[in-house]
Amino acid sequence: MSFYTFALDELYTRNPRSRGPNDILLISFGIVVNKRDQGYYVLTAPIFPSRHSPSDLDAAAAENGYPRPKHANTRSRWTIGPVEVADNDEVAIIYAGTNISDDPNFARSDAFAQWETKLVSDFYALLLGDVWSALGLGSVQGLIEKIDLPDSVKKFLSNPVGYALGLQPSGPCNGIVFKDAVKYTGRELGALVYEPQPVSEYLRKNVGTPRRAQSTRSYTDAETHNTDICGKIAHTDVTIAIVQYSFYSLAFWGPKNGEQFSTHPEGLRKYGPSGAQEVSIKEIFGLKN
């Protein structure tokens, strides 16, 4: 048993999908363990060719009047967890970027703010190849039933905003810029190459010595890109960071009203086996991811 946080660490846009200088991306990042939502982060922002940190993405959205990020179980920007993962658990790191720059004003509308998270939820279900919502926002059975495979799936993937909301795109370059569902077992997560992270003795007492692993994957939109109309194909590098904690002190980290202090100052060891130094929260309460 270990605890992990998962983060979108960097978005490197080498070339946008749009013919213009930038895309407007609906970016989503979520974690699922054993087909149960563990947290998500969703944001729409203008993206120029450059390297973008999590704070860069949030700042670009705020400065250009796009909706505030929607998120759950995030301790900082684009970071989900900690999540308790056992060796046999199945973990999926799901993320996508969808260009909507053909409809630049739509992302600032009330309709988009209302449908933004539902759209991502439906899309995650398709990425995972199953009829369930990675964001825990309800079944997508209705969406699947109205799709006449495979042509309508292609339409959805080429213009997910227009398809999900029943709108016609005003331009030809909307669509998927990058997408993936990276899957690990808990045992595979534990076998990644981690580097110890420097922390104070105070933190080490409460979380051990965190270890960090990082991986970068490259994506293009060649499958749906019309080079005659939209120019060069999009090319994006996505970097994911995973931090492993040997234990997780609820007495120290338990949040209350968004503050970093505990609602359980005595911790949970008293609920576990007598004398145990580490106790599984899932086992105490009979929970599953």
C-alpha atoms as a PDB file:
ATOM      1  CA  MET A   1       0.000   0.000   0.000  1.00  0.00           C
ATOM      2  CA  SER A   2       1.266   3.470  -0.963  1.00  0.00           C
ATOM      3  CA  PHE A   3      -0.192   6.928  -1.434  1.00  0.00           C
ATOM      4  CA  TYR A   4       0.226   8.936  -4.623  1.00  0.00           C
ATOM      5  CA  THR A   5      -0.461  12.372  -6.012  1.00  0.00           C
ATOM      6  CA  PHE A   6      -0.859  12.818  -9.765  1.00  0.00           C
ATOM      7  CA  ALA A   7      -0.191  16.088 -11.551  1.00  0.00           C
ATOM      8  CA  LEU A   8      -0.266  17.627 -15.003  1.00  0.00           C
ATOM      9  CA  ASP A   9       3.262  18.998 -14.692  1.00  0.00           C
ATOM     10  CA  GLU A  10       3.754  20.717 -18.051  1.00  0.00           C
ATOM     11  CA  LEU A  11       2.002  21.299 -21.359  1.00  0.00           C
ATOM     12  CA  TYR A  12       4.416  22.034 -24.186  1.00  0.00           C
ATOM     13  CA  THR A  13       2.592  23.268 -27.290  1.00  0.00           C
ATOM     14  CA  ARG A  14       5.028  22.953 -30.185  1.00  0.00           C
ATOM     15  CA  ASN A  15       2.409  23.787 -32.805  1.00  0.00           C
ATOM     16  CA  PRO A  16      -1.291  24.639 -32.339  1.00  0.00           C
ATOM     17  CA  ARG A  17      -4.178  23.028 -34.182  1.00  0.00           C
ATOM     18  CA  SER A  18      -5.499  26.384 -35.412  1.00  0.00           C
ATOM     19  CA  ARG A  19      -4.085  28.215 -38.401  1.00  0.00           C
ATOM     20  CA  GLY A  20      -3.860  31.316 -36.195  1.00  0.00           C
ATOM     21  CA  PRO A  21      -1.226  31.935 -33.525  1.00  0.00           C
ATOM     22  CA  ASN A  22      -2.981  30.050 -30.739  1.00  0.00           C
ATOM     23  CA  ASP A  23      -5.603  27.512 -29.745  1.00  0.00           C
ATOM     24  CA  ILE A  24      -8.281  27.926 -27.116  1.00  0.00           C
ATOM     25  CA  LEU A  25      -8.095  24.609 -25.295  1.00  0.00           C
ATOM     26  CA  LEU A  26     -10.596  22.899 -23.045  1.00  0.00           C
ATOM     27  CA  ILE A  27      -8.055  20.970 -20.937  1.00  0.00           C
ATOM     28  CA  SER A  28      -9.074  18.153 -18.632  1.00  0.00           C
ATOM     29  CA  PHE A  29      -7.113  15.972 -16.231  1.00  0.00           C
ATOM     30  CA  GLY A  30      -8.540  13.210 -14.049  1.00  0.00           C
ATOM     31  CA  ILE A  31      -7.639  10.133 -12.015  1.00  0.00           C
ATOM     32  CA  VAL A  32      -9.700   6.961 -11.803  1.00  0.00           C
ATOM     33  CA  VAL A  33      -8.945   3.964  -9.581  1.00  0.00           C
ATOM     34  CA  ASN A  34     -10.896   0.763 -10.165  1.00  0.00           C
ATOM     35  CA  LYS A  35     -13.372   2.731 -12.324  1.00  0.00           C
ATOM     36  CA  ARG A  36     -14.106   5.176  -9.515  1.00  0.00           C
ATOM     37  CA  ASP A  37     -13.453   8.898  -9.748  1.00  0.00           C
ATOM     38  CA  GLN A  38     -10.614  10.128  -7.527  1.00  0.00           C
ATOM     39  CA  GLY A  39     -10.511  13.750  -8.670  1.00  0.00           C
ATOM     40  CA  TYR A  40     -10.361  16.003 -11.714  1.00  0.00           C
ATOM     41  CA  TYR A  41      -9.315  19.444 -12.945  1.00  0.00           C
ATOM     42  CA  VAL A  42     -10.943  21.179 -15.922  1.00  0.00           C
ATOM     43  CA  LEU A  43      -9.972  24.527 -17.427  1.00  0.00           C
ATOM     44  CA  THR A  44     -10.341  26.475 -20.678  1.00  0.00           C
ATOM     45  CA  ALA A  45      -7.495  28.798 -21.686  1.00  0.00           C
ATOM     46  CA  PRO A  46      -5.780  30.324 -24.735  1.00  0.00           C
ATOM     47  CA  ILE A  47      -2.640  28.342 -25.518  1.00  0.00           C
ATOM     48  CA  PHE A  48       0.266  29.700 -27.589  1.00  0.00           C
ATOM     49  CA  PRO A  49       3.296  27.689 -28.763  1.00  0.00           C
ATOM     50  CA  SER A  50       5.363  27.534 -25.575  1.00  0.00           C
ATOM     51  CA  ARG A  51       5.916  25.568 -22.398  1.00  0.00           C
ATOM     52  CA  HIS A  52       3.068  25.980 -19.905  1.00  0.00           C
ATOM     53  CA  SER A  53       3.256  25.209 -16.198  1.00  0.00           C
ATOM     54  CA  PRO A  54       0.084  24.629 -14.143  1.00  0.00           C
ATOM     55  CA  SER A  55       0.178  28.215 -12.877  1.00  0.00           C
ATOM     56  CA  ASP A  56       0.640  29.473 -16.460  1.00  0.00           C
ATOM     57  CA  LEU A  57      -2.541  27.688 -17.546  1.00  0.00           C
ATOM     58  CA  ASP A  58      -4.626  29.101 -14.699  1.00  0.00           C
ATOM     59  CA  ALA A  59      -3.245  32.603 -15.221  1.00  0.00           C
ATOM     60  CA  ALA A  60      -4.001  32.525 -18.973  1.00  0.00           C
ATOM     61  CA  ALA A  61      -7.623  31.562 -18.277  1.00  0.00           C
ATOM     62  CA  ALA A  62      -8.115  34.233 -15.626  1.00  0.00           C
ATOM     63  CA  GLU A  63      -6.456  37.016 -17.623  1.00  0.00           C
ATOM     64  CA  ASN A  64      -8.619  36.321 -20.671  1.00  0.00           C
ATOM     65  CA  GLY A  65     -11.969  36.032 -18.915  1.00  0.00           C
ATOM     66  CA  TYR A  66     -12.561  32.288 -19.188  1.00  0.00           C
ATOM     67  CA  PRO A  67     -14.456  30.328 -16.508  1.00  0.00           C
ATOM     68  CA  ARG A  68     -12.694  29.490 -13.261  1.00  0.00           C
ATOM     69  CA  PRO A  69     -11.272  25.949 -13.126  1.00  0.00           C
ATOM     70  CA  LYS A  70     -13.576  23.182 -12.007  1.00  0.00           C
ATOM     71  CA  HIS A  71     -11.899  20.626  -9.761  1.00  0.00           C
ATOM     72  CA  ALA A  72     -12.349  18.023  -7.031  1.00  0.00           C
ATOM     73  CA  ASN A  73      -9.859  16.362  -4.640  1.00  0.00           C
ATOM     74  CA  THR A  74      -7.071  18.701  -5.705  1.00  0.00           C
ATOM     75  CA  ARG A  75      -4.539  19.935  -3.172  1.00  0.00           C
ATOM     76  CA  SER A  76      -2.936  22.404  -5.577  1.00  0.00           C
ATOM     77  CA  ARG A  77      -3.256  23.397  -9.246  1.00  0.00           C
ATOM     78  CA  TRP A  78      -3.624  20.346 -11.491  1.00  0.00           C
ATOM     79  CA  THR A  79      -2.573  17.975  -8.663  1.00  0.00           C
ATOM     80  CA  ILE A  80      -4.955  15.216  -7.545  1.00  0.00           C
ATOM     81  CA  GLY A  81      -4.593  13.196  -4.372  1.00  0.00           C
ATOM     82  CA  PRO A  82      -3.129  11.766  -2.278  1.00  0.00           C
ATOM     83  CA  VAL A  83      -4.853   8.555  -3.321  1.00  0.00           C
ATOM     84  CA  GLU A  84      -4.330   5.242  -1.535  1.00  0.00           C
ATOM     85  CA  VAL A  85      -3.394   2.559  -4.078  1.00  0.00           C
ATOM     86  CA  ALA A  86      -2.921  -1.160  -3.420  1.00  0.00           C
ATOM     87  CA  ASP A  87      -0.848  -3.460  -5.648  1.00  0.00           C
ATOM     88  CA  ASN A  88      -3.858  -4.920  -7.451  1.00  0.00           C
ATOM     89  CA  ASP A  89      -5.700  -1.641  -7.968  1.00  0.00           C
ATOM     90  CA  GLU A  90      -6.115  -0.354 -11.534  1.00  0.00           C
ATOM     91  CA  VAL A  91      -5.278   3.315 -12.020  1.00  0.00           C
ATOM     92  CA  ALA A  92      -6.049   5.448 -15.081  1.00  0.00           C
ATOM     93  CA  ILE A  93      -4.587   8.907 -15.664  1.00  0.00           C
ATOM     94  CA  ILE A  94      -6.912  10.569 -18.166  1.00  0.00           C
ATOM     95  CA  TYR A  95      -6.303  13.846 -19.934  1.00  0.00           C
ATOM     96  CA  ALA A  96      -7.307  15.674 -23.087  1.00  0.00           C
ATOM     97  CA  GLY A  97      -7.069  19.027 -24.825  1.00  0.00           C
ATOM     98  CA  THR A  98      -9.837  20.131 -27.189  1.00  0.00           C
ATOM     99  CA  ASN A  99      -9.494  23.197 -29.397  1.00  0.00           C
ATOM    100  CA  ILE A 100     -12.558  25.458 -29.551  1.00  0.00           C
ATOM    101  CA  SER A 101     -10.888  28.522 -31.087  1.00  0.00           C
ATOM    102  CA  ASP A 102     -13.295  28.500 -34.041  1.00  0.00           C
ATOM    103  CA  ASP A 103     -15.895  29.695 -31.525  1.00  0.00           C
ATOM    104  CA  PRO A 104     -13.784  32.041 -29.363  1.00  0.00           C
ATOM    105  CA  ASN A 105     -16.665  33.814 -27.616  1.00  0.00           C
ATOM    106  CA  PHE A 106     -18.578  30.643 -26.824  1.00  0.00           C
ATOM    107  CA  ALA A 107     -16.132  29.658 -24.065  1.00  0.00           C
ATOM    108  CA  ARG A 108     -17.102  32.822 -22.175  1.00  0.00           C
ATOM    109  CA  SER A 109     -20.835  32.119 -22.386  1.00  0.00           C
ATOM    110  CA  ASP A 110     -23.102  30.862 -19.608  1.00  0.00           C
ATOM    111  CA  ALA A 111     -24.036  27.862 -21.762  1.00  0.00           C
ATOM    112  CA  PHE A 112     -20.424  26.741 -21.975  1.00  0.00           C
ATOM    113  CA  ALA A 113     -19.859  27.155 -18.245  1.00  0.00           C
ATOM    114  CA  GLN A 114     -22.933  24.990 -17.623  1.00  0.00           C
ATOM    115  CA  TRP A 115     -21.928  22.206 -20.016  1.00  0.00           C
ATOM    116  CA  GLU A 116     -18.153  22.250 -19.652  1.00  0.00           C
ATOM    117  CA  THR A 117     -17.828  19.529 -17.024  1.00  0.00           C
ATOM    118  CA  LYS A 118     -20.523  17.329 -18.550  1.00  0.00           C
ATOM    119  CA  LEU A 119     -18.716  17.438 -21.862  1.00  0.00           C
ATOM    120  CA  VAL A 120     -15.469  16.311 -20.271  1.00  0.00           C
ATOM    121  CA  SER A 121     -17.281  13.579 -18.349  1.00  0.00           C
ATOM    122  CA  ASP A 122     -18.819  12.184 -21.542  1.00  0.00           C
ATOM    123  CA  PHE A 123     -15.517  12.356 -23.365  1.00  0.00           C
ATOM    124  CA  TYR A 124     -13.651  10.558 -20.565  1.00  0.00           C
ATOM    125  CA  ALA A 125     -16.105   7.701 -20.853  1.00  0.00           C
ATOM    126  CA  LEU A 126     -15.253   7.323 -24.542  1.00  0.00           C
ATOM    127  CA  LEU A 127     -11.525   7.502 -23.823  1.00  0.00           C
ATOM    128  CA  LEU A 128     -11.826   4.659 -21.340  1.00  0.00           C
ATOM    129  CA  GLY A 129     -13.920   2.606 -23.719  1.00  0.00           C
ATOM    130  CA  ASP A 130     -16.644   1.997 -21.157  1.00  0.00           C
ATOM    131  CA  VAL A 131     -20.111   3.310 -20.329  1.00  0.00           C
ATOM    132  CA  TRP A 132     -19.342   5.134 -17.091  1.00  0.00           C
ATOM    133  CA  SER A 133     -18.309   8.643 -16.189  1.00  0.00           C
ATOM    134  CA  ALA A 134     -14.760   9.185 -15.002  1.00  0.00           C
ATOM    135  CA  LEU A 135     -15.862  12.368 -13.277  1.00  0.00           C
ATOM    136  CA  GLY A 136     -18.673  10.719 -11.352  1.00  0.00           C
ATOM    137  CA  LEU A 137     -21.325  12.916 -12.968  1.00  0.00           C
ATOM    138  CA  GLY A 138     -23.739  10.218 -14.023  1.00  0.00           C
ATOM    139  CA  SER A 139     -24.130   7.608 -16.734  1.00  0.00           C
ATOM    140  CA  VAL A 140     -23.366   8.458 -20.330  1.00  0.00           C
ATOM    141  CA  GLN A 141     -25.658   5.707 -21.581  1.00  0.00           C
ATOM    142  CA  GLY A 142     -27.879   8.297 -23.250  1.00  0.00           C
ATOM    143  CA  LEU A 143     -24.952   9.713 -25.176  1.00  0.00           C
ATOM    144  CA  ILE A 144     -23.800   6.274 -26.314  1.00  0.00           C
ATOM    145  CA  GLU A 145     -27.311   5.231 -27.376  1.00  0.00           C
ATOM    146  CA  LYS A 146     -27.745   8.195 -29.717  1.00  0.00           C
ATOM    147  CA  ILE A 147     -24.427   7.554 -31.442  1.00  0.00           C
ATOM    148  CA  ASP A 148     -24.627   5.565 -34.648  1.00  0.00           C
ATOM    149  CA  LEU A 149     -21.222   3.878 -34.599  1.00  0.00           C
ATOM    150  CA  PRO A 150     -18.746   4.488 -36.060  1.00  0.00           C
ATOM    151  CA  ASP A 151     -19.486   7.658 -38.104  1.00  0.00           C
ATOM    152  CA  SER A 152     -21.008   9.633 -35.245  1.00  0.00           C
ATOM    153  CA  VAL A 153     -18.102   8.791 -32.985  1.00  0.00           C
ATOM    154  CA  LYS A 154     -15.827  10.351 -35.580  1.00  0.00           C
ATOM    155  CA  LYS A 155     -18.056  13.417 -35.640  1.00  0.00           C
ATOM    156  CA  PHE A 156     -17.910  13.612 -31.855  1.00  0.00           C
ATOM    157  CA  LEU A 157     -14.137  13.362 -31.807  1.00  0.00           C
ATOM    158  CA  SER A 158     -13.684  15.926 -34.581  1.00  0.00           C
ATOM    159  CA  ASN A 159     -16.010  18.451 -32.924  1.00  0.00           C
ATOM    160  CA  PRO A 160     -16.890  17.369 -29.365  1.00  0.00           C
ATOM    161  CA  VAL A 161     -18.121  20.792 -28.296  1.00  0.00           C
ATOM    162  CA  GLY A 162     -20.540  21.123 -31.179  1.00  0.00           C
ATOM    163  CA  TYR A 163     -21.667  17.503 -31.019  1.00  0.00           C
ATOM    164  CA  ALA A 164     -22.355  17.405 -27.277  1.00  0.00           C
ATOM    165  CA  LEU A 165     -24.120  20.754 -27.187  1.00  0.00           C
ATOM    166  CA  GLY A 166     -26.003  20.369 -30.460  1.00  0.00           C
ATOM    167  CA  LEU A 167     -24.180  23.281 -32.057  1.00  0.00           C
ATOM    168  CA  GLN A 168     -22.633  23.711 -35.461  1.00  0.00           C
ATOM    169  CA  PRO A 169     -19.002  24.872 -35.483  1.00  0.00           C
ATOM    170  CA  SER A 170     -18.336  28.247 -37.073  1.00  0.00           C
ATOM    171  CA  GLY A 171     -14.966  27.102 -38.375  1.00  0.00           C
ATOM    172  CA  PRO A 172     -13.106  23.950 -39.416  1.00  0.00           C
ATOM    173  CA  CYS A 173     -10.296  23.677 -36.833  1.00  0.00           C
ATOM    174  CA  ASN A 174     -12.151  22.764 -33.635  1.00  0.00           C
ATOM    175  CA  GLY A 175     -11.331  19.323 -32.328  1.00  0.00           C
ATOM    176  CA  ILE A 176      -9.038  17.082 -30.321  1.00  0.00           C
ATOM    177  CA  VAL A 177      -5.445  18.282 -29.943  1.00  0.00           C
ATOM    178  CA  PHE A 178      -4.302  15.516 -27.569  1.00  0.00           C
ATOM    179  CA  LYS A 179      -5.972  12.760 -25.568  1.00  0.00           C
ATOM    180  CA  ASP A 180      -4.904   9.722 -23.578  1.00  0.00           C
ATOM    181  CA  ALA A 181      -5.863   7.310 -20.812  1.00  0.00           C
ATOM    182  CA  VAL A 182      -2.615   6.002 -19.295  1.00  0.00           C
ATOM    183  CA  LYS A 183      -3.226   2.925 -17.187  1.00  0.00           C
ATOM    184  CA  TYR A 184      -1.179   1.346 -14.398  1.00  0.00           C
ATOM    185  CA  THR A 185      -1.709  -1.293 -11.776  1.00  0.00           C
ATOM    186  CA  GLY A 186      -0.681  -0.349  -8.256  1.00  0.00           C
ATOM    187  CA  ARG A 187       2.246  -2.720  -8.602  1.00  0.00           C
ATOM    188  CA  GLU A 188       3.365  -0.989 -11.814  1.00  0.00           C
ATOM    189  CA  LEU A 189       3.119   2.403 -10.122  1.00  0.00           C
ATOM    190  CA  GLY A 190       5.355   1.149  -7.345  1.00  0.00           C
ATOM    191  CA  ALA A 191       7.929  -0.055  -9.878  1.00  0.00           C
ATOM    192  CA  LEU A 192       8.386   3.327 -11.599  1.00  0.00           C
ATOM    193  CA  VAL A 193      11.757   5.053 -11.263  1.00  0.00           C
ATOM    194  CA  TYR A 194      11.372   7.648  -8.523  1.00  0.00           C
ATOM    195  CA  GLU A 195      13.750  10.274  -7.210  1.00  0.00           C
ATOM    196  CA  PRO A 196      13.656  11.300  -3.536  1.00  0.00           C
ATOM    197  CA  GLN A 197      12.450  14.865  -2.982  1.00  0.00           C
ATOM    198  CA  PRO A 198      14.032  17.222  -0.447  1.00  0.00           C
ATOM    199  CA  VAL A 199      11.667  17.986   2.439  1.00  0.00           C
ATOM    200  CA  SER A 200      12.000  19.367   5.934  1.00  0.00           C
ATOM    201  CA  GLU A 201      12.284  17.039   8.911  1.00  0.00           C
ATOM    202  CA  TYR A 202       8.839  18.222   9.958  1.00  0.00           C
ATOM    203  CA  LEU A 203       7.294  17.027   6.684  1.00  0.00           C
ATOM    204  CA  ARG A 204       9.318  13.835   6.658  1.00  0.00           C
ATOM    205  CA  LYS A 205       7.785  12.942  10.019  1.00  0.00           C
ATOM    206  CA  ASN A 206       4.283  13.216   8.584  1.00  0.00           C
ATOM    207  CA  VAL A 207       4.618  11.926   5.002  1.00  0.00           C
ATOM    208  CA  GLY A 208       7.983  10.153   4.931  1.00  0.00           C
ATOM    209  CA  THR A 209      10.351  11.024   2.097  1.00  0.00           C
ATOM    210  CA  PRO A 210       8.300  11.755  -1.037  1.00  0.00           C
ATOM    211  CA  ARG A 211       9.632  10.238  -4.263  1.00  0.00           C
ATOM    212  CA  ARG A 212       8.826  11.715  -7.655  1.00  0.00           C
ATOM    213  CA  ALA A 213       8.550  10.136 -11.111  1.00  0.00           C
ATOM    214  CA  GLN A 214       7.981  12.060 -14.311  1.00  0.00           C
ATOM    215  CA  SER A 215       7.069  11.022 -17.852  1.00  0.00           C
ATOM    216  CA  THR A 216       6.465  12.927 -21.087  1.00  0.00           C
ATOM    217  CA  ARG A 217       4.345  11.746 -24.009  1.00  0.00           C
ATOM    218  CA  SER A 218       4.038  13.401 -27.423  1.00  0.00           C
ATOM    219  CA  TYR A 219       0.786  13.771 -29.370  1.00  0.00           C
ATOM    220  CA  THR A 220      -0.371  15.025 -32.749  1.00  0.00           C
ATOM    221  CA  ASP A 221      -3.838  15.641 -34.164  1.00  0.00           C
ATOM    222  CA  ALA A 222      -2.944  14.107 -37.534  1.00  0.00           C
ATOM    223  CA  GLU A 223      -5.959  11.774 -37.405  1.00  0.00           C
ATOM    224  CA  THR A 224      -8.486  14.623 -37.651  1.00  0.00           C
ATOM    225  CA  HIS A 225      -6.430  17.572 -38.928  1.00  0.00           C
ATOM    226  CA  ASN A 226      -7.090  19.201 -42.309  1.00  0.00           C
ATOM    227  CA  THR A 227      -3.728  20.661 -43.317  1.00  0.00           C
ATOM    228  CA  ASP A 228      -5.203  22.466 -46.338  1.00  0.00           C
ATOM    229  CA  ILE A 229      -7.473  24.532 -44.092  1.00  0.00           C
ATOM    230  CA  CYS A 230      -5.767  24.561 -40.693  1.00  0.00           C
ATOM    231  CA  GLY A 231      -2.084  24.448 -41.623  1.00  0.00           C
ATOM    232  CA  LYS A 232       0.487  22.291 -39.870  1.00  0.00           C
ATOM    233  CA  ILE A 233      -0.669  19.457 -37.653  1.00  0.00           C
ATOM    234  CA  ALA A 234      -0.722  20.127 -33.925  1.00  0.00           C
ATOM    235  CA  HIS A 235       2.125  18.763 -31.843  1.00  0.00           C
ATOM    236  CA  THR A 236       1.922  18.722 -28.048  1.00  0.00           C
ATOM    237  CA  ASP A 237       4.082  17.206 -25.297  1.00  0.00           C
ATOM    238  CA  VAL A 238       2.309  16.382 -22.023  1.00  0.00           C
ATOM    239  CA  THR A 239       4.348  15.791 -18.875  1.00  0.00           C
ATOM    240  CA  ILE A 240       2.811  13.949 -15.930  1.00  0.00           C
ATOM    241  CA  ALA A 241       4.365  13.878 -12.449  1.00  0.00           C
ATOM    242  CA  ILE A 242       3.599  11.155  -9.899  1.00  0.00           C
ATOM    243  CA  VAL A 243       4.704  11.539  -6.284  1.00  0.00           C
ATOM    244  CA  GLN A 244       4.775   8.493  -4.033  1.00  0.00           C
ATOM    245  CA  TYR A 245       4.372   8.753  -0.258  1.00  0.00           C
ATOM    246  CA  SER A 246       5.207   5.807   1.967  1.00  0.00           C
ATOM    247  CA  PHE A 247       2.500   6.891   4.390  1.00  0.00           C
ATOM    248  CA  TYR A 248      -0.014   9.679   4.826  1.00  0.00           C
ATOM    249  CA  SER A 249      -0.697  11.222   8.223  1.00  0.00           C
ATOM    250  CA  LEU A 250      -4.324  12.246   8.414  1.00  0.00           C
ATOM    251  CA  ALA A 251      -3.558  13.974  11.706  1.00  0.00           C
ATOM    252  CA  PHE A 252      -1.299  16.322   9.753  1.00  0.00           C
ATOM    253  CA  TRP A 253      -2.854  16.568   6.285  1.00  0.00           C
ATOM    254  CA  GLY A 254      -6.583  16.189   6.840  1.00  0.00           C
ATOM    255  CA  PRO A 255      -8.192  19.288   5.250  1.00  0.00           C
ATOM    256  CA  LYS A 256     -10.878  21.442   6.773  1.00  0.00           C
ATOM    257  CA  ASN A 257     -12.572  24.220   4.833  1.00  0.00           C
ATOM    258  CA  GLY A 258      -9.644  24.268   2.434  1.00  0.00           C
ATOM    259  CA  GLU A 259      -7.122  24.871   5.218  1.00  0.00           C
ATOM    260  CA  GLN A 260      -4.118  22.657   5.801  1.00  0.00           C
ATOM    261  CA  PHE A 261      -4.999  21.434   9.270  1.00  0.00           C
ATOM    262  CA  SER A 262      -6.724  18.309  10.494  1.00  0.00           C
ATOM    263  CA  THR A 263     -10.234  17.379  11.537  1.00  0.00           C
ATOM    264  CA  HIS A 264      -8.656  14.255  13.125  1.00  0.00           C
ATOM    265  CA  PRO A 265      -5.797  15.522  15.342  1.00  0.00           C
ATOM    266  CA  GLU A 266      -5.331  12.078  16.911  1.00  0.00           C
ATOM    267  CA  GLY A 267      -5.158  10.317  13.570  1.00  0.00           C
ATOM    268  CA  LEU A 268      -6.745   6.949  12.771  1.00  0.00           C
ATOM    269  CA  ARG A 269      -4.228   4.450  14.151  1.00  0.00           C
ATOM    270  CA  LYS A 270      -6.497   3.839  17.145  1.00  0.00           C
ATOM    271  CA  TYR A 271      -9.006   2.256  14.734  1.00  0.00           C
ATOM    272  CA  GLY A 272      -6.503  -0.223  13.338  1.00  0.00           C
ATOM    273  CA  PRO A 273      -4.814  -3.318  14.779  1.00  0.00           C
ATOM    274  CA  SER A 274      -3.169  -2.734  18.142  1.00  0.00           C
ATOM    275  CA  GLY A 275       0.378  -1.458  17.774  1.00  0.00           C
ATOM    276  CA  ALA A 276       0.166  -0.999  13.995  1.00  0.00           C
ATOM    277  CA  GLN A 277       2.341   1.826  12.667  1.00  0.00           C
ATOM    278  CA  GLU A 278       0.510   2.003   9.338  1.00  0.00           C
ATOM    279  CA  VAL A 279      -3.224   1.586   8.904  1.00  0.00           C
ATOM    280  CA  SER A 280      -5.160   1.398   5.621  1.00  0.00           C
ATOM    281  CA  ILE A 281      -7.971   3.953   5.629  1.00  0.00           C
ATOM    282  CA  LYS A 282      -9.851   1.832   3.092  1.00  0.00           C
ATOM    283  CA  GLU A 283      -9.629  -1.225   5.343  1.00  0.00           C
ATOM    284  CA  ILE A 284     -10.782   0.666   8.455  1.00  0.00           C
ATOM    285  CA  PHE A 285     -13.951   1.925   6.803  1.00  0.00           C
ATOM    286  CA  GLY A 286     -14.446  -0.902   4.306  1.00  0.00           C
ATOM    287  CA  LEU A 287     -13.987   1.486   1.389  1.00  0.00           C
ATOM    288  CA  LYS A 288     -13.066   0.857  -2.220  1.00  0.00           C
ATOM    289  CA  ASN A 289     -11.468   3.286  -4.665  1.00  0.00           C
END
